[in-house]
């Protein structure tokens, strides 16, 4: 089923991380493709989604693979 496949977000900057994070918050598996500094920031501090309407949620991360270029997905 297509809902079992992860959603890939290429170019995950501010907007891509928010969109991918919202999919993850809705229960979908998400893979982010981002610059190393963005991935480092997410690894260090997590992915936190906020909105002006009061939405505030942290998205947990899990990893597959090893070394540079390892796969990081969010739920």
PDB file of N, CA and C in Angstrom:
ATOM      1  N   UNK A   1       0.844  -1.181   0.000  1.00  0.00           N
ATOM      2  CA  UNK A   1       0.000   0.000   0.000  1.00  0.00           C
ATOM      3  C   UNK A   1       0.884   1.237   0.000  1.00  0.00           C
ATOM      4  N   UNK A   2       0.493   2.268  -0.699  1.00  0.00           N
ATOM      5  CA  UNK A   2       1.305   3.467  -0.839  1.00  0.00           C
ATOM      6  C   UNK A   2       1.499   4.208   0.485  1.00  0.00           C
ATOM      7  N   UNK A   3       0.585   4.090   1.426  1.00  0.00           N
ATOM      8  CA  UNK A   3       0.721   4.776   2.708  1.00  0.00           C
ATOM      9  C   UNK A   3       1.858   4.205   3.543  1.00  0.00           C
ATOM     10  N   UNK A   4       2.355   3.016   3.207  1.00  0.00           N
ATOM     11  CA  UNK A   4       3.468   2.410   3.937  1.00  0.00           C
ATOM     12  C   UNK A   4       4.817   2.934   3.480  1.00  0.00           C
ATOM     13  N   UNK A   5       4.879   3.554   2.319  1.00  0.00           N
ATOM     14  CA  UNK A   5       6.141   4.044   1.778  1.00  0.00           C
ATOM     15  C   UNK A   5       6.457   5.419   2.368  1.00  0.00           C
ATOM     16  N   UNK A   6       7.748   5.684   2.635  1.00  0.00           N
ATOM     17  CA  UNK A   6       8.099   6.990   3.193  1.00  0.00           C
ATOM     18  C   UNK A   6       7.940   8.110   2.167  1.00  0.00           C
ATOM     19  N   UNK A   7       7.673   9.283   2.657  1.00  0.00           N
ATOM     20  CA  UNK A   7       7.620  10.480   1.831  1.00  0.00           C
ATOM     21  C   UNK A   7       8.999  11.104   1.863  1.00  0.00           C
ATOM     22  N   UNK A   8       9.580  11.356   0.713  1.00  0.00           N
ATOM     23  CA  UNK A   8      10.891  11.991   0.636  1.00  0.00           C
ATOM     24  C   UNK A   8      10.733  13.483   0.417  1.00  0.00           C
ATOM     25  N   UNK A   9      11.459  14.274   1.210  1.00  0.00           N
ATOM     26  CA  UNK A   9      11.442  15.728   1.052  1.00  0.00           C
ATOM     27  C   UNK A   9      12.857  16.141   0.659  1.00  0.00           C
ATOM     28  N   UNK A  10      13.025  16.510  -0.608  1.00  0.00           N
ATOM     29  CA  UNK A  10      14.332  16.943  -1.108  1.00  0.00           C
ATOM     30  C   UNK A  10      14.459  18.447  -0.914  1.00  0.00           C
ATOM     31  N   UNK A  11      15.609  18.874  -0.445  1.00  0.00           N
ATOM     32  CA  UNK A  11      15.815  20.292  -0.202  1.00  0.00           C
ATOM     33  C   UNK A  11      15.114  20.750   1.059  1.00  0.00           C
ATOM     34  N   UNK A  12      15.250  19.958   2.110  1.00  0.00           N
ATOM     35  CA  UNK A  12      14.549  20.249   3.367  1.00  0.00           C
ATOM     36  C   UNK A  12      15.245  21.388   4.113  1.00  0.00           C
ATOM     37  N   UNK A  13      14.792  22.589   3.855  1.00  0.00           N
ATOM     38  CA  UNK A  13      15.218  23.760   4.617  1.00  0.00           C
ATOM     39  C   UNK A  13      14.115  24.070   5.619  1.00  0.00           C
ATOM     40  N   UNK A  14      13.834  25.320   5.833  1.00  0.00           N
ATOM     41  CA  UNK A  14      12.794  25.694   6.794  1.00  0.00           C
ATOM     42  C   UNK A  14      11.425  25.174   6.386  1.00  0.00           C
ATOM     43  N   UNK A  15      11.047  25.407   5.150  1.00  0.00           N
ATOM     44  CA  UNK A  15       9.720  24.983   4.690  1.00  0.00           C
ATOM     45  C   UNK A  15       9.661  23.476   4.514  1.00  0.00           C
ATOM     46  N   UNK A  16      10.675  22.879   3.908  1.00  0.00           N
ATOM     47  CA  UNK A  16      10.694  21.433   3.707  1.00  0.00           C
ATOM     48  C   UNK A  16      10.675  20.666   5.006  1.00  0.00           C
ATOM     49  N   UNK A  17      11.394  21.152   6.012  1.00  0.00           N
ATOM     50  CA  UNK A  17      11.371  20.499   7.322  1.00  0.00           C
ATOM     51  C   UNK A  17       9.993  20.620   7.967  1.00  0.00           C
ATOM     52  N   UNK A  18       9.345  21.777   7.788  1.00  0.00           N
ATOM     53  CA  UNK A  18       8.005  21.942   8.343  1.00  0.00           C
ATOM     54  C   UNK A  18       7.015  21.011   7.657  1.00  0.00           C
ATOM     55  N   UNK A  19       7.051  20.962   6.333  1.00  0.00           N
ATOM     56  CA  UNK A  19       6.132  20.099   5.589  1.00  0.00           C
ATOM     57  C   UNK A  19       6.387  18.634   5.939  1.00  0.00           C
ATOM     58  N   UNK A  20       7.662  18.219   5.912  1.00  0.00           N
ATOM     59  CA  UNK A  20       7.997  16.846   6.280  1.00  0.00           C
ATOM     60  C   UNK A  20       7.615  16.539   7.716  1.00  0.00           C
ATOM     61  N   UNK A  21       7.835  17.492   8.598  1.00  0.00           N
ATOM     62  CA  UNK A  21       7.461  17.310   9.997  1.00  0.00           C
ATOM     63  C   UNK A  21       5.960  17.169  10.191  1.00  0.00           C
ATOM     64  N   UNK A  22       5.183  17.917   9.424  1.00  0.00           N
ATOM     65  CA  UNK A  22       3.727  17.800   9.522  1.00  0.00           C
ATOM     66  C   UNK A  22       3.256  16.429   9.036  1.00  0.00           C
ATOM     67  N   UNK A  23       3.865  15.933   7.968  1.00  0.00           N
ATOM     68  CA  UNK A  23       3.546  14.569   7.526  1.00  0.00           C
ATOM     69  C   UNK A  23       3.902  13.567   8.621  1.00  0.00           C
ATOM     70  N   UNK A  24       5.075  13.735   9.232  1.00  0.00           N
ATOM     71  CA  UNK A  24       5.498  12.836  10.307  1.00  0.00           C
ATOM     72  C   UNK A  24       4.548  12.931  11.499  1.00  0.00           C
ATOM     73  N   UNK A  25       4.120  14.142  11.838  1.00  0.00           N
ATOM     74  CA  UNK A  25       3.186  14.331  12.953  1.00  0.00           C
ATOM     75  C   UNK A  25       1.851  13.653  12.675  1.00  0.00           C
ATOM     76  N   UNK A  26       1.513  13.520  11.385  1.00  0.00           N
ATOM     77  CA  UNK A  26       0.266  12.856  10.999  1.00  0.00           C
ATOM     78  C   UNK A  26       0.422  11.341  10.931  1.00  0.00           C
ATOM     79  N   UNK A  27       1.636  10.848  11.237  1.00  0.00           N
ATOM     80  CA  UNK A  27       1.848   9.408  11.285  1.00  0.00           C
ATOM     81  C   UNK A  27       2.529   8.804  10.081  1.00  0.00           C
ATOM     82  N   UNK A  28       2.922   9.619   9.105  1.00  0.00           N
ATOM     83  CA  UNK A  28       3.608   9.102   7.924  1.00  0.00           C
ATOM     84  C   UNK A  28       5.101   9.010   8.176  1.00  0.00           C
ATOM     85  N   UNK A  29       5.765   8.084   7.499  1.00  0.00           N
ATOM     86  CA  UNK A  29       7.225   7.995   7.547  1.00  0.00           C
ATOM     87  C   UNK A  29       7.781   9.010   6.563  1.00  0.00           C
ATOM     88  N   UNK A  30       8.822   9.733   6.983  1.00  0.00           N
ATOM     89  CA  UNK A  30       9.380  10.808   6.173  1.00  0.00           C
ATOM     90  C   UNK A  30      10.898  10.684   6.142  1.00  0.00           C
ATOM     91  N   UNK A  31      11.479  10.876   4.967  1.00  0.00           N
ATOM     92  CA  UNK A  31      12.930  10.935   4.808  1.00  0.00           C
ATOM     93  C   UNK A  31      13.278  12.339   4.319  1.00  0.00           C
ATOM     94  N   UNK A  32      14.154  13.035   5.040  1.00  0.00           N
ATOM     95  CA  UNK A  32      14.555  14.387   4.673  1.00  0.00           C
ATOM     96  C   UNK A  32      15.914  14.369   3.981  1.00  0.00           C
ATOM     97  N   UNK A  33      16.024  15.080   2.871  1.00  0.00           N
ATOM     98  CA  UNK A  33      17.291  15.289   2.181  1.00  0.00           C
ATOM     99  C   UNK A  33      17.627  16.757   2.368  1.00  0.00           C
ATOM    100  N   UNK A  34      18.642  17.019   3.178  1.00  0.00           N
ATOM    101  CA  UNK A  34      18.945  18.402   3.541  1.00  0.00           C
ATOM    102  C   UNK A  34      20.456  18.619   3.563  1.00  0.00           C
ATOM    103  N   UNK A  35      20.837  19.861   3.663  1.00  0.00           N
ATOM    104  CA  UNK A  35      22.254  20.209   3.796  1.00  0.00           C
ATOM    105  C   UNK A  35      22.788  19.647   5.111  1.00  0.00           C
ATOM    106  N   UNK A  36      24.076  19.339   5.136  1.00  0.00           N
ATOM    107  CA  UNK A  36      24.656  18.774   6.366  1.00  0.00           C
ATOM    108  C   UNK A  36      24.406  19.622   7.610  1.00  0.00           C
ATOM    109  N   UNK A  37      24.454  20.946   7.485  1.00  0.00           N
ATOM    110  CA  UNK A  37      24.252  21.789   8.680  1.00  0.00           C
ATOM    111  C   UNK A  37      22.823  21.679   9.208  1.00  0.00           C
ATOM    112  N   UNK A  38      21.858  21.467   8.332  1.00  0.00           N
ATOM    113  CA  UNK A  38      20.468  21.295   8.767  1.00  0.00           C
ATOM    114  C   UNK A  38      20.320  19.965   9.490  1.00  0.00           C
ATOM    115  N   UNK A  39      20.887  18.907   8.923  1.00  0.00           N
ATOM    116  CA  UNK A  39      20.824  17.585   9.553  1.00  0.00           C
ATOM    117  C   UNK A  39      21.527  17.611  10.906  1.00  0.00           C
ATOM    118  N   UNK A  40      22.682  18.264  10.982  1.00  0.00           N
ATOM    119  CA  UNK A  40      23.404  18.377  12.258  1.00  0.00           C
ATOM    120  C   UNK A  40      22.552  19.091  13.300  1.00  0.00           C
ATOM    121  N   UNK A  41      21.864  20.140  12.903  1.00  0.00           N
ATOM    122  CA  UNK A  41      21.003  20.887  13.826  1.00  0.00           C
ATOM    123  C   UNK A  41      19.842  20.019  14.315  1.00  0.00           C
ATOM    124  N   UNK A  42      19.239  19.255  13.410  1.00  0.00           N
ATOM    125  CA  UNK A  42      18.141  18.369  13.791  1.00  0.00           C
ATOM    126  C   UNK A  42      18.644  17.276  14.728  1.00  0.00           C
ATOM    127  N   UNK A  43      19.828  16.720  14.421  1.00  0.00           N
ATOM    128  CA  UNK A  43      20.395  15.681  15.293  1.00  0.00           C
ATOM    129  C   UNK A  43      20.689  16.222  16.680  1.00  0.00           C
ATOM    130  N   UNK A  44      21.174  17.451  16.757  1.00  0.00           N
ATOM    131  CA  UNK A  44      21.549  18.040  18.038  1.00  0.00           C
ATOM    132  C   UNK A  44      20.330  18.479  18.856  1.00  0.00           C
ATOM    133  N   UNK A  45      19.314  19.014  18.183  1.00  0.00           N
ATOM    134  CA  UNK A  45      18.196  19.636  18.905  1.00  0.00           C
ATOM    135  C   UNK A  45      16.827  19.046  18.601  1.00  0.00           C
ATOM    136  N   UNK A  46      16.754  18.115  17.669  1.00  0.00           N
ATOM    137  CA  UNK A  46      15.468  17.541  17.284  1.00  0.00           C
ATOM    138  C   UNK A  46      14.746  18.438  16.302  1.00  0.00           C
ATOM    139  N   UNK A  47      13.623  17.953  15.829  1.00  0.00           N
ATOM    140  CA  UNK A  47      12.789  18.707  14.896  1.00  0.00           C
ATOM    141  C   UNK A  47      11.538  19.142  15.650  1.00  0.00           C
ATOM    142  N   UNK A  48      11.395  20.436  15.808  1.00  0.00           N
ATOM    143  CA  UNK A  48      10.252  20.981  16.542  1.00  0.00           C
ATOM    144  C   UNK A  48       9.395  21.789  15.591  1.00  0.00           C
ATOM    145  N   UNK A  49       8.122  21.482  15.559  1.00  0.00           N
ATOM    146  CA  UNK A  49       7.173  22.177  14.696  1.00  0.00           C
ATOM    147  C   UNK A  49       6.338  23.129  15.533  1.00  0.00           C
ATOM    148  N   UNK A  50       6.247  24.363  15.095  1.00  0.00           N
ATOM    149  CA  UNK A  50       5.390  25.335  15.766  1.00  0.00           C
ATOM    150  C   UNK A  50       4.631  26.130  14.710  1.00  0.00           C
ATOM    151  N   UNK A  51       3.502  26.693  15.110  1.00  0.00           N
ATOM    152  CA  UNK A  51       2.737  27.563  14.215  1.00  0.00           C
ATOM    153  C   UNK A  51       2.182  28.726  15.017  1.00  0.00           C
ATOM    154  N   UNK A  52       1.728  29.745  14.314  1.00  0.00           N
ATOM    155  CA  UNK A  52       1.127  30.903  14.964  1.00  0.00           C
ATOM    156  C   UNK A  52      -0.190  30.543  15.648  1.00  0.00           C
ATOM    157  N   UNK A  53      -0.801  29.446  15.212  1.00  0.00           N
ATOM    158  CA  UNK A  53      -2.074  29.017  15.793  1.00  0.00           C
ATOM    159  C   UNK A  53      -1.896  28.235  17.093  1.00  0.00           C
ATOM    160  N   UNK A  54      -0.656  28.021  17.524  1.00  0.00           N
ATOM    161  CA  UNK A  54      -0.401  27.332  18.781  1.00  0.00           C
ATOM    162  C   UNK A  54       0.043  25.888  18.659  1.00  0.00           C
ATOM    163  N   UNK A  55       0.178  25.375  17.441  1.00  0.00           N
ATOM    164  CA  UNK A  55       0.677  24.007  17.250  1.00  0.00           C
ATOM    165  C   UNK A  55       2.121  23.953  17.715  1.00  0.00           C
ATOM    166  N   UNK A  56       2.466  22.961  18.532  1.00  0.00           N
ATOM    167  CA  UNK A  56       3.830  22.813  19.044  1.00  0.00           C
ATOM    168  C   UNK A  56       4.088  21.334  19.297  1.00  0.00           C
ATOM    169  N   UNK A  57       4.951  20.744  18.485  1.00  0.00           N
ATOM    170  CA  UNK A  57       5.222  19.311  18.623  1.00  0.00           C
ATOM    171  C   UNK A  57       6.657  18.997  18.240  1.00  0.00           C
ATOM    172  N   UNK A  58       7.263  18.076  18.989  1.00  0.00           N
ATOM    173  CA  UNK A  58       8.586  17.543  18.649  1.00  0.00           C
ATOM    174  C   UNK A  58       8.402  16.240  17.898  1.00  0.00           C
ATOM    175  N   UNK A  59       9.205  16.063  16.870  1.00  0.00           N
ATOM    176  CA  UNK A  59       9.155  14.853  16.064  1.00  0.00           C
ATOM    177  C   UNK A  59      10.391  14.025  16.387  1.00  0.00           C
ATOM    178  N   UNK A  60      10.168  12.757  16.717  1.00  0.00           N
ATOM    179  CA  UNK A  60      11.311  11.909  17.045  1.00  0.00           C
ATOM    180  C   UNK A  60      11.935  11.363  15.769  1.00  0.00           C
ATOM    181  N   UNK A  61      13.208  11.036  15.857  1.00  0.00           N
ATOM    182  CA  UNK A  61      13.988  10.595  14.712  1.00  0.00           C
ATOM    183  C   UNK A  61      14.424   9.154  14.917  1.00  0.00           C
ATOM    184  N   UNK A  62      14.475   8.405  13.842  1.00  0.00           N
ATOM    185  CA  UNK A  62      15.134   7.117  13.889  1.00  0.00           C
ATOM    186  C   UNK A  62      16.017   7.004  12.659  1.00  0.00           C
ATOM    187  N   UNK A  63      17.052   6.179  12.763  1.00  0.00           N
ATOM    188  CA  UNK A  63      18.055   6.085  11.704  1.00  0.00           C
ATOM    189  C   UNK A  63      18.186   4.673  11.181  1.00  0.00           C
ATOM    190  N   UNK A  64      18.616   4.601   9.937  1.00  0.00           N
ATOM    191  CA  UNK A  64      19.017   3.336   9.320  1.00  0.00           C
ATOM    192  C   UNK A  64      20.323   3.596   8.619  1.00  0.00           C
ATOM    193  N   UNK A  65      21.161   2.585   8.543  1.00  0.00           N
ATOM    194  CA  UNK A  65      22.424   2.731   7.835  1.00  0.00           C
ATOM    195  C   UNK A  65      23.509   3.227   8.759  1.00  0.00           C
ATOM    196  N   UNK A  66      24.661   3.478   8.188  1.00  0.00           N
ATOM    197  CA  UNK A  66      25.795   3.931   8.989  1.00  0.00           C
ATOM    198  C   UNK A  66      26.663   4.851   8.148  1.00  0.00           C
ATOM    199  N   UNK A  67      27.366   5.725   8.822  1.00  0.00           N
ATOM    200  CA  UNK A  67      28.330   6.579   8.159  1.00  0.00           C
ATOM    201  C   UNK A  67      27.699   7.740   7.423  1.00  0.00           C
ATOM    202  N   UNK A  68      28.521   8.417   6.633  1.00  0.00           N
ATOM    203  CA  UNK A  68      28.081   9.589   5.878  1.00  0.00           C
ATOM    204  C   UNK A  68      26.982   9.191   4.895  1.00  0.00           C
ATOM    205  N   UNK A  69      25.948   9.977   4.829  1.00  0.00           N
ATOM    206  CA  UNK A  69      24.864   9.701   3.914  1.00  0.00           C
ATOM    207  C   UNK A  69      23.864   8.694   4.438  1.00  0.00           C
ATOM    208  N   UNK A  70      23.945   8.394   5.739  1.00  0.00           N
ATOM    209  CA  UNK A  70      22.997   7.424   6.276  1.00  0.00           C
ATOM    210  C   UNK A  70      21.591   7.965   6.214  1.00  0.00           C
ATOM    211  N   UNK A  71      20.666   7.057   6.158  1.00  0.00           N
ATOM    212  CA  UNK A  71      19.261   7.421   6.035  1.00  0.00           C
ATOM    213  C   UNK A  71      18.712   7.837   7.387  1.00  0.00           C
ATOM    214  N   UNK A  72      18.000   8.947   7.435  1.00  0.00           N
ATOM    215  CA  UNK A  72      17.360   9.431   8.659  1.00  0.00           C
ATOM    216  C   UNK A  72      15.890   9.633   8.349  1.00  0.00           C
ATOM    217  N   UNK A  73      15.050   8.992   9.107  1.00  0.00           N
ATOM    218  CA  UNK A  73      13.615   9.138   8.892  1.00  0.00           C
ATOM    219  C   UNK A  73      12.971   9.636  10.167  1.00  0.00           C
ATOM    220  N   UNK A  74      11.794  10.215  10.012  1.00  0.00           N
ATOM    221  CA  UNK A  74      11.106  10.827  11.128  1.00  0.00           C
ATOM    222  C   UNK A  74       9.697  10.289  11.239  1.00  0.00           C
ATOM    223  N   UNK A  75       9.236  10.132  12.485  1.00  0.00           N
ATOM    224  CA  UNK A  75       7.851   9.733  12.750  1.00  0.00           C
ATOM    225  C   UNK A  75       7.293  10.617  13.821  1.00  0.00           C
TER     226      UNK A  75
END
